[in-house]
Amino acid sequence: MYKDDILNLIQQSPLEIDTEIQLTGRPPTMANSEFLTNKEQGDWAEKVVYKAINEFSDEYFAVQYGRSESIAAGDARFADFYMEYQNELNSIGKRPDLLIFKLNDFPDRNVDIENDEHVRKTVVALEVRSSSFLIDKYTAFMDKRQQEAIYNCISIRKNILDGKFGDLLKRKNNEIYKLILEATDETFRELDFRRPSWSLTQELRDLTELLKHLKQNIKILHKRDYLSITPKMEDFALVNRWIQKYNVKHFYLQVFFDKAYVVSFQDILELVSNNDNEGNNFSIERDVKNQGKTTIKVNVKVGKEIIGKIDVPEHKSAMKELDRGRLLFYVTFEGGKGYLDNEIFMRDVINA
């Protein structure tokens, strides 16, 4: 059974996920403009997926299920709303944003999302995440930067080994010399060494400068060069709690401003259980933009390109007045049609 497979992966995970966690804490007292913009972007991403499925699929339809209240910290009713949401997370877990149903089960599309028997008929649950990138442009930029860094490494390596610095480096630091000597186009990214600071002669100063530039380019190769699907670590237990209650397949769907990618929650758990995948297919980071919360950054290429094109939305400024008179200015989004790949939707989501 699906929920048993997920629970087994959770229990065996090296992430040490606490399935019995109960959330406590005081509600935040004040929202800010960045938070409101991010919420608007998240709501927009959810609408793109919702409309794409309902427009392009003949057999299945999407229903909005996650919380969608526009209330924010600083509003008079926010404290009560926050505590109700905490209680819900502690009871049934984290609701996914969208539920996908078979049209044959609900020909009139009249689903009661508060009816557990209706919810259990869900075929697939989707957690929709958003990202402020054009993935094609980002990928092209990063590929170019990586190739330039490799070219620079090759050039510096040649300058050191084929010129007057080879013997000098071998004599001064044979370990670094061997690392550079044995490096190839494919292995420069694996190099790491502590840069010396020799300065006694001009030759030593020139060699030190070359090693400095080599180190700088290797540092570029060490950086994460992929965009990601971004589940938060703290959500794993809460997603599992919902799955244990309803036994519905769960997927993460990351929406960029030009495309969207999907990966199953089960695949994410299996991926992070193998430390050979860390650095290539995922990384674990403390996300500064998300209150320092630990986030799993899963390479989007692990997922499937489920929406191959998204029209860039219109955007405009908006204002929110808080109860005590503070004004917050933020960005809202409209439009931006997404074009669902039905083959991937059926093969890699519905029938996965």
Protein backbone atom coordinates (compact mmCIF):
# COMPACT_ATOMS: atom_id res chain seq x y z
CA MET A 1 0.00 0.00 0.00
CA TYR A 2 1.26 3.49 -0.91
CA LYS A 3 1.05 4.96 2.60
CA ASP A 4 3.05 2.01 4.00
CA ASP A 5 5.80 2.52 1.40
CA ILE A 6 6.02 6.19 2.33
CA LEU A 7 6.13 5.46 6.06
CA ASN A 8 8.92 2.91 5.55
CA LEU A 9 10.98 5.45 3.61
CA ILE A 10 10.35 8.09 6.29
CA GLN A 11 11.42 5.73 9.08
CA GLN A 12 14.57 4.65 7.23
CA SER A 13 15.51 8.16 6.09
CA PRO A 14 18.86 9.59 7.23
CA LEU A 15 17.04 12.91 7.68
CA GLU A 16 15.65 11.68 11.03
CA ILE A 17 12.07 12.83 10.38
CA ASP A 18 9.89 13.02 13.48
CA THR A 19 6.52 11.61 12.37
CA GLU A 20 4.95 12.46 15.74
CA ILE A 21 5.93 16.13 15.67
CA GLN A 22 3.43 18.60 17.11
CA LEU A 23 3.83 22.21 16.07
CA THR A 24 3.76 24.90 18.70
CA GLY A 25 4.68 28.53 18.60
CA ARG A 26 3.33 32.01 18.55
CA PRO A 27 1.95 33.55 15.38
CA PRO A 28 4.13 36.15 13.65
CA THR A 29 3.01 39.66 14.45
CA MET A 30 3.78 41.45 11.20
CA ALA A 31 3.85 40.61 7.49
CA ASN A 32 6.15 42.38 5.03
CA SER A 33 6.03 43.26 1.35
CA GLU A 34 8.30 40.39 0.30
CA PHE A 35 6.07 37.87 2.08
CA LEU A 36 2.95 39.21 0.33
CA THR A 37 4.66 39.17 -3.08
CA ASN A 38 5.82 35.58 -2.52
CA LYS A 39 2.29 34.58 -1.50
CA GLU A 40 0.85 36.22 -4.62
CA GLN A 41 3.41 34.38 -6.76
CA GLY A 42 2.56 31.09 -5.07
CA ASP A 43 -1.15 31.65 -5.63
CA TRP A 44 -0.46 32.49 -9.28
CA ALA A 45 1.58 29.29 -9.75
CA GLU A 46 -1.23 27.22 -8.27
CA LYS A 47 -3.76 28.80 -10.66
CA VAL A 48 -1.50 28.07 -13.64
CA VAL A 49 -1.40 24.36 -12.77
CA TYR A 50 -5.10 24.23 -11.87
CA LYS A 51 -6.17 25.78 -15.17
CA ALA A 52 -3.69 23.76 -17.25
CA ILE A 53 -5.02 20.44 -15.92
CA ASN A 54 -8.68 21.43 -16.24
CA GLU A 55 -8.20 22.79 -19.76
CA PHE A 56 -5.94 20.15 -21.29
CA SER A 57 -7.08 16.91 -19.61
CA ASP A 58 -10.23 15.15 -20.80
CA GLU A 59 -10.33 12.44 -18.12
CA TYR A 60 -9.19 14.24 -14.96
CA PHE A 61 -9.86 17.53 -13.22
CA ALA A 62 -8.19 19.54 -10.48
CA VAL A 63 -9.76 20.93 -7.30
CA GLN A 64 -8.18 23.55 -5.05
CA TYR A 65 -7.69 22.02 -1.62
CA GLY A 66 -4.97 23.86 0.30
CA ARG A 67 -5.63 26.90 2.42
CA SER A 68 -6.12 30.01 0.29
CA GLU A 69 -7.07 32.71 2.80
CA SER A 70 -5.70 36.17 2.00
CA ILE A 71 -5.31 37.05 5.68
CA ALA A 72 -1.76 37.97 6.77
CA ALA A 73 0.17 38.71 9.95
CA GLY A 74 -0.86 42.09 11.25
CA ASP A 75 -4.56 41.56 10.47
CA ALA A 76 -6.91 41.43 13.44
CA ARG A 77 -8.04 37.82 12.83
CA PHE A 78 -4.61 36.43 11.97
CA ALA A 79 -3.75 35.03 15.43
CA ASP A 80 -6.93 32.90 15.47
CA PHE A 81 -6.35 31.79 11.88
CA TYR A 82 -2.75 30.85 12.67
CA MET A 83 -3.71 28.72 15.68
CA GLU A 84 -6.46 26.97 13.69
CA TYR A 85 -3.94 26.17 10.97
CA GLN A 86 -1.44 24.83 13.54
CA ASN A 87 -4.17 22.58 14.95
CA GLU A 88 -4.99 21.30 11.47
CA LEU A 89 -1.33 20.48 10.76
CA ASN A 90 -1.10 18.63 14.07
CA SER A 91 -4.28 16.71 13.31
CA ILE A 92 -4.38 15.72 9.62
CA GLY A 93 -1.07 17.10 8.37
CA LYS A 94 -0.34 19.50 5.52
CA ARG A 95 -3.02 19.74 2.89
CA PRO A 96 -1.66 19.61 -0.67
CA ASP A 97 -2.60 22.56 -2.85
CA LEU A 98 -4.49 20.62 -5.53
CA LEU A 99 -6.34 17.31 -5.68
CA ILE A 100 -6.77 15.48 -8.98
CA PHE A 101 -9.96 13.44 -9.49
CA LYS A 102 -11.19 11.14 -12.23
CA LEU A 103 -14.08 12.70 -14.12
CA ASN A 104 -15.91 9.36 -14.12
CA ASP A 105 -16.02 9.46 -10.31
CA PHE A 106 -17.45 12.99 -10.23
CA PRO A 107 -19.16 13.69 -13.60
CA ASP A 108 -20.54 17.00 -12.31
CA ARG A 109 -17.16 17.88 -10.69
CA ASN A 110 -19.03 18.46 -7.44
CA VAL A 111 -16.38 17.48 -4.88
CA ASP A 112 -16.77 18.26 -1.19
CA ILE A 113 -13.17 18.73 0.00
CA GLU A 114 -14.30 18.51 3.63
CA ASN A 115 -15.77 15.05 3.03
CA ASP A 116 -13.09 12.45 3.80
CA GLU A 117 -14.71 9.86 1.54
CA HIS A 118 -14.51 12.29 -1.37
CA VAL A 119 -10.89 13.15 -0.57
CA ARG A 120 -9.96 9.46 -0.48
CA LYS A 121 -11.11 9.14 -4.08
CA THR A 122 -8.32 11.54 -5.10
CA VAL A 123 -6.04 10.03 -7.76
CA VAL A 124 -3.10 12.37 -7.14
CA ALA A 125 -2.30 15.21 -4.74
CA LEU A 126 -0.08 18.10 -5.84
CA GLU A 127 2.00 20.45 -3.70
CA VAL A 128 2.69 23.46 -5.94
CA ARG A 129 5.83 25.51 -5.41
CA SER A 130 6.93 28.63 -7.30
CA SER A 131 10.30 30.01 -8.39
CA SER A 132 11.23 33.45 -9.73
CA PHE A 133 13.29 32.18 -12.67
CA LEU A 134 13.07 31.49 -16.37
CA ILE A 135 14.58 28.03 -16.30
CA ASP A 136 15.74 27.95 -19.93
CA LYS A 137 17.63 31.23 -19.55
CA TYR A 138 19.09 30.17 -16.19
CA THR A 139 20.29 26.84 -17.60
CA ALA A 140 21.93 28.50 -20.61
CA PHE A 141 23.66 31.05 -18.34
CA MET A 142 24.96 28.41 -15.93
CA ASP A 143 26.14 26.11 -18.73
CA LYS A 144 28.11 28.99 -20.24
CA ARG A 145 29.58 29.96 -16.86
CA GLN A 146 30.63 26.39 -16.14
CA GLN A 147 32.26 25.99 -19.56
CA GLU A 148 34.12 29.28 -19.16
CA ALA A 149 35.38 28.18 -15.73
CA ILE A 150 36.60 24.83 -17.14
CA TYR A 151 38.31 26.65 -20.04
CA ASN A 152 40.03 28.98 -17.55
CA CYS A 153 41.17 26.01 -15.45
CA ILE A 154 42.66 24.32 -18.52
CA SER A 155 44.44 27.54 -19.53
CA ILE A 156 45.87 28.13 -16.03
CA ARG A 157 46.91 24.49 -15.73
CA LYS A 158 48.78 24.73 -19.04
CA ASN A 159 50.42 27.98 -17.98
CA ILE A 160 51.69 26.37 -14.77
CA LEU A 161 52.80 22.98 -16.05
CA ASP A 162 54.14 23.89 -19.49
CA GLY A 163 55.94 27.04 -18.41
CA LYS A 164 58.53 27.95 -15.84
CA PHE A 165 56.24 27.32 -12.87
CA GLY A 166 55.90 23.52 -13.09
CA ASP A 167 59.18 22.60 -11.42
CA LEU A 168 58.78 25.42 -8.94
CA LEU A 169 55.35 24.21 -7.85
CA LYS A 170 56.52 20.59 -7.68
CA ARG A 171 59.37 21.63 -5.39
CA LYS A 172 57.28 23.92 -3.21
CA ASN A 173 54.12 21.79 -2.93
CA ASN A 174 54.14 18.41 -4.62
CA GLU A 175 50.56 17.66 -3.46
CA ILE A 176 49.07 20.62 -5.35
CA TYR A 177 51.34 19.84 -8.29
CA LYS A 178 49.97 16.27 -8.52
CA LEU A 179 46.36 17.48 -8.22
CA ILE A 180 46.81 19.84 -11.16
CA LEU A 181 48.88 17.37 -13.19
CA GLU A 182 46.23 14.65 -12.96
CA ALA A 183 43.22 16.93 -13.44
CA THR A 184 41.06 16.61 -16.57
CA ASP A 185 38.23 18.67 -18.04
CA GLU A 186 35.77 16.47 -16.13
CA THR A 187 37.58 16.43 -12.77
CA PHE A 188 38.47 20.08 -12.19
CA ARG A 189 35.23 20.46 -10.22
CA GLU A 190 36.48 17.79 -7.78
CA LEU A 191 39.71 19.64 -6.94
CA ASP A 192 40.21 21.41 -3.68
CA PHE A 193 43.38 22.76 -2.09
CA ARG A 194 44.51 25.46 0.27
CA ARG A 195 46.04 28.28 -1.71
CA PRO A 196 49.58 29.13 -0.61
CA SER A 197 50.75 32.72 -0.15
CA TRP A 198 54.33 32.59 -1.36
CA SER A 199 55.92 36.02 -1.87
CA LEU A 200 59.70 35.77 -1.50
CA THR A 201 60.44 36.13 -5.24
CA GLN A 202 58.57 37.48 -8.24
CA GLU A 203 58.21 33.95 -9.64
CA LEU A 204 56.63 32.77 -6.41
CA ARG A 205 54.29 35.76 -6.38
CA ASP A 206 53.28 35.04 -10.01
CA LEU A 207 52.69 31.36 -9.19
CA THR A 208 50.60 32.31 -6.17
CA GLU A 209 48.48 34.56 -8.37
CA LEU A 210 47.92 31.74 -10.89
CA LEU A 211 46.86 29.38 -8.11
CA LYS A 212 44.52 32.07 -6.79
CA HIS A 213 42.79 32.33 -10.20
CA LEU A 214 42.64 28.55 -10.48
CA LYS A 215 41.01 28.34 -7.06
CA GLN A 216 38.47 31.02 -8.02
CA ASN A 217 37.40 29.10 -11.12
CA ILE A 218 37.23 25.80 -9.23
CA LYS A 219 34.99 27.56 -6.70
CA ILE A 220 32.59 28.38 -9.54
CA LEU A 221 32.52 24.69 -10.50
CA HIS A 222 31.72 23.77 -6.89
CA LYS A 223 28.59 25.93 -6.80
CA ARG A 224 25.16 24.39 -7.31
CA ASP A 225 24.40 24.99 -10.98
CA TYR A 226 20.82 23.74 -11.19
CA LEU A 227 17.42 25.10 -10.29
CA SER A 228 15.47 22.99 -7.88
CA ILE A 229 12.22 21.61 -6.60
CA THR A 230 12.17 22.80 -3.01
CA PRO A 231 10.37 20.81 -0.30
CA LYS A 232 11.01 22.14 3.20
CA MET A 233 12.42 19.61 5.66
CA GLU A 234 9.82 20.49 8.27
CA ASP A 235 7.04 19.61 5.81
CA PHE A 236 8.10 15.98 5.35
CA ALA A 237 6.46 14.76 8.56
CA LEU A 238 3.33 16.83 7.87
CA VAL A 239 2.99 15.60 4.29
CA ASN A 240 3.41 12.04 5.57
CA ARG A 241 0.69 12.65 8.18
CA TRP A 242 -1.79 13.61 5.46
CA ILE A 243 -0.76 10.61 3.33
CA GLN A 244 -1.26 8.24 6.26
CA LYS A 245 -4.81 9.56 6.67
CA TYR A 246 -5.87 9.51 3.01
CA ASN A 247 -3.43 7.11 1.23
CA VAL A 248 -3.15 9.36 -1.85
CA LYS A 249 -0.06 9.63 -4.10
CA HIS A 250 1.68 12.91 -3.47
CA PHE A 251 3.77 14.99 -5.91
CA TYR A 252 5.73 18.24 -5.77
CA LEU A 253 5.28 20.51 -8.79
CA GLN A 254 7.69 23.43 -9.23
CA VAL A 255 6.45 26.31 -11.39
CA PHE A 256 8.94 28.65 -13.06
CA PHE A 257 7.91 31.58 -15.24
CA ASP A 258 8.38 29.55 -18.43
CA LYS A 259 7.97 25.87 -17.49
CA ALA A 260 6.98 23.53 -14.65
CA TYR A 261 8.48 20.27 -13.39
CA VAL A 262 6.98 17.50 -11.27
CA VAL A 263 8.54 14.83 -9.03
CA SER A 264 6.88 12.38 -6.66
CA PHE A 265 7.27 12.65 -2.90
CA GLN A 266 8.33 9.00 -2.93
CA ASP A 267 11.12 9.72 -5.43
CA ILE A 268 12.34 12.60 -3.25
CA LEU A 269 12.52 10.36 -0.19
CA GLU A 270 14.38 7.67 -2.13
CA LEU A 271 16.74 10.24 -3.63
CA VAL A 272 17.79 11.78 -0.31
CA SER A 273 18.24 8.34 1.27
CA ASN A 274 21.30 7.77 -0.93
CA ASN A 275 24.17 10.10 -0.03
CA ASP A 276 25.79 9.42 -3.42
CA ASN A 277 23.12 11.72 -4.87
CA GLU A 278 24.02 14.70 -2.66
CA GLY A 279 25.73 17.45 -4.59
CA ASN A 280 24.62 16.16 -7.99
CA ASN A 281 20.88 15.58 -7.69
CA PHE A 282 20.10 17.37 -4.44
CA SER A 283 21.54 19.55 -1.73
CA ILE A 284 20.40 20.44 1.78
CA GLU A 285 20.48 24.14 2.54
CA ARG A 286 19.27 26.60 5.14
CA ASP A 287 17.11 28.93 3.09
CA VAL A 288 17.72 32.56 4.04
CA LYS A 289 14.61 33.61 2.10
CA ASN A 290 12.49 31.24 4.18
CA GLN A 291 13.40 32.23 7.76
CA GLY A 292 16.49 30.02 7.67
CA LYS A 293 14.42 26.83 7.40
CA THR A 294 16.19 23.75 6.11
CA THR A 295 15.16 23.05 2.52
CA ILE A 296 15.86 20.11 0.22
CA LYS A 297 16.97 21.44 -3.17
CA VAL A 298 16.17 18.67 -5.67
CA ASN A 299 17.56 19.13 -9.19
CA VAL A 300 14.58 19.82 -11.45
CA LYS A 301 16.08 17.47 -14.03
CA VAL A 302 15.26 14.62 -11.64
CA GLY A 303 11.62 15.51 -12.30
CA LYS A 304 9.59 15.64 -15.48
CA GLU A 305 8.75 18.71 -17.54
CA ILE A 306 4.99 18.51 -17.12
CA ILE A 307 4.23 22.02 -18.41
CA GLY A 308 6.49 22.77 -21.36
CA LYS A 309 5.44 26.37 -21.82
CA ILE A 310 4.04 29.11 -19.62
CA ASP A 311 3.12 32.53 -20.93
CA VAL A 312 4.73 35.21 -18.78
CA PRO A 313 2.00 36.82 -16.63
CA GLU A 314 1.16 40.48 -16.32
CA HIS A 315 2.17 42.05 -13.03
CA LYS A 316 1.21 45.19 -11.17
CA SER A 317 1.70 46.91 -7.86
CA ALA A 318 -0.83 46.47 -5.06
CA MET A 319 -1.27 47.88 -1.57
CA LYS A 320 -2.47 46.36 1.68
CA GLU A 321 -3.47 48.48 4.66
CA LEU A 322 -3.00 46.76 8.01
CA ASP A 323 -5.39 47.40 10.86
CA ARG A 324 -3.06 49.77 12.67
CA GLY A 325 -2.52 51.88 9.55
CA ARG A 326 0.69 50.45 8.15
CA LEU A 327 0.81 50.24 4.34
CA LEU A 328 2.49 47.34 2.52
CA PHE A 329 3.20 47.49 -1.20
CA TYR A 330 3.66 44.27 -3.16
CA VAL A 331 3.30 42.68 -6.61
CA THR A 332 0.35 40.73 -7.99
CA PHE A 333 0.24 38.47 -11.06
CA GLU A 334 -2.44 37.85 -13.66
CA GLY A 335 -2.61 35.51 -16.66
CA GLY A 336 0.29 33.34 -17.74
CA LYS A 337 -1.34 30.33 -19.34
CA GLY A 338 0.35 26.95 -18.84
CA TYR A 339 0.33 24.21 -21.50
CA LEU A 340 0.10 20.75 -19.94
CA ASP A 341 1.99 17.82 -21.46
CA ASN A 342 -0.77 15.20 -21.30
CA GLU A 343 1.57 12.31 -22.06
CA ILE A 344 3.81 13.11 -19.09
CA PHE A 345 0.77 13.91 -16.93
CA MET A 346 -0.73 10.47 -17.61
CA ARG A 347 2.48 8.39 -17.61
CA ASP A 348 4.53 10.01 -14.84
CA VAL A 349 1.81 11.32 -12.54
CA ILE A 350 -1.55 9.57 -12.94
CA ASN A 351 -0.15 6.11 -13.72
CA ALA A 352 3.15 6.40 -11.84
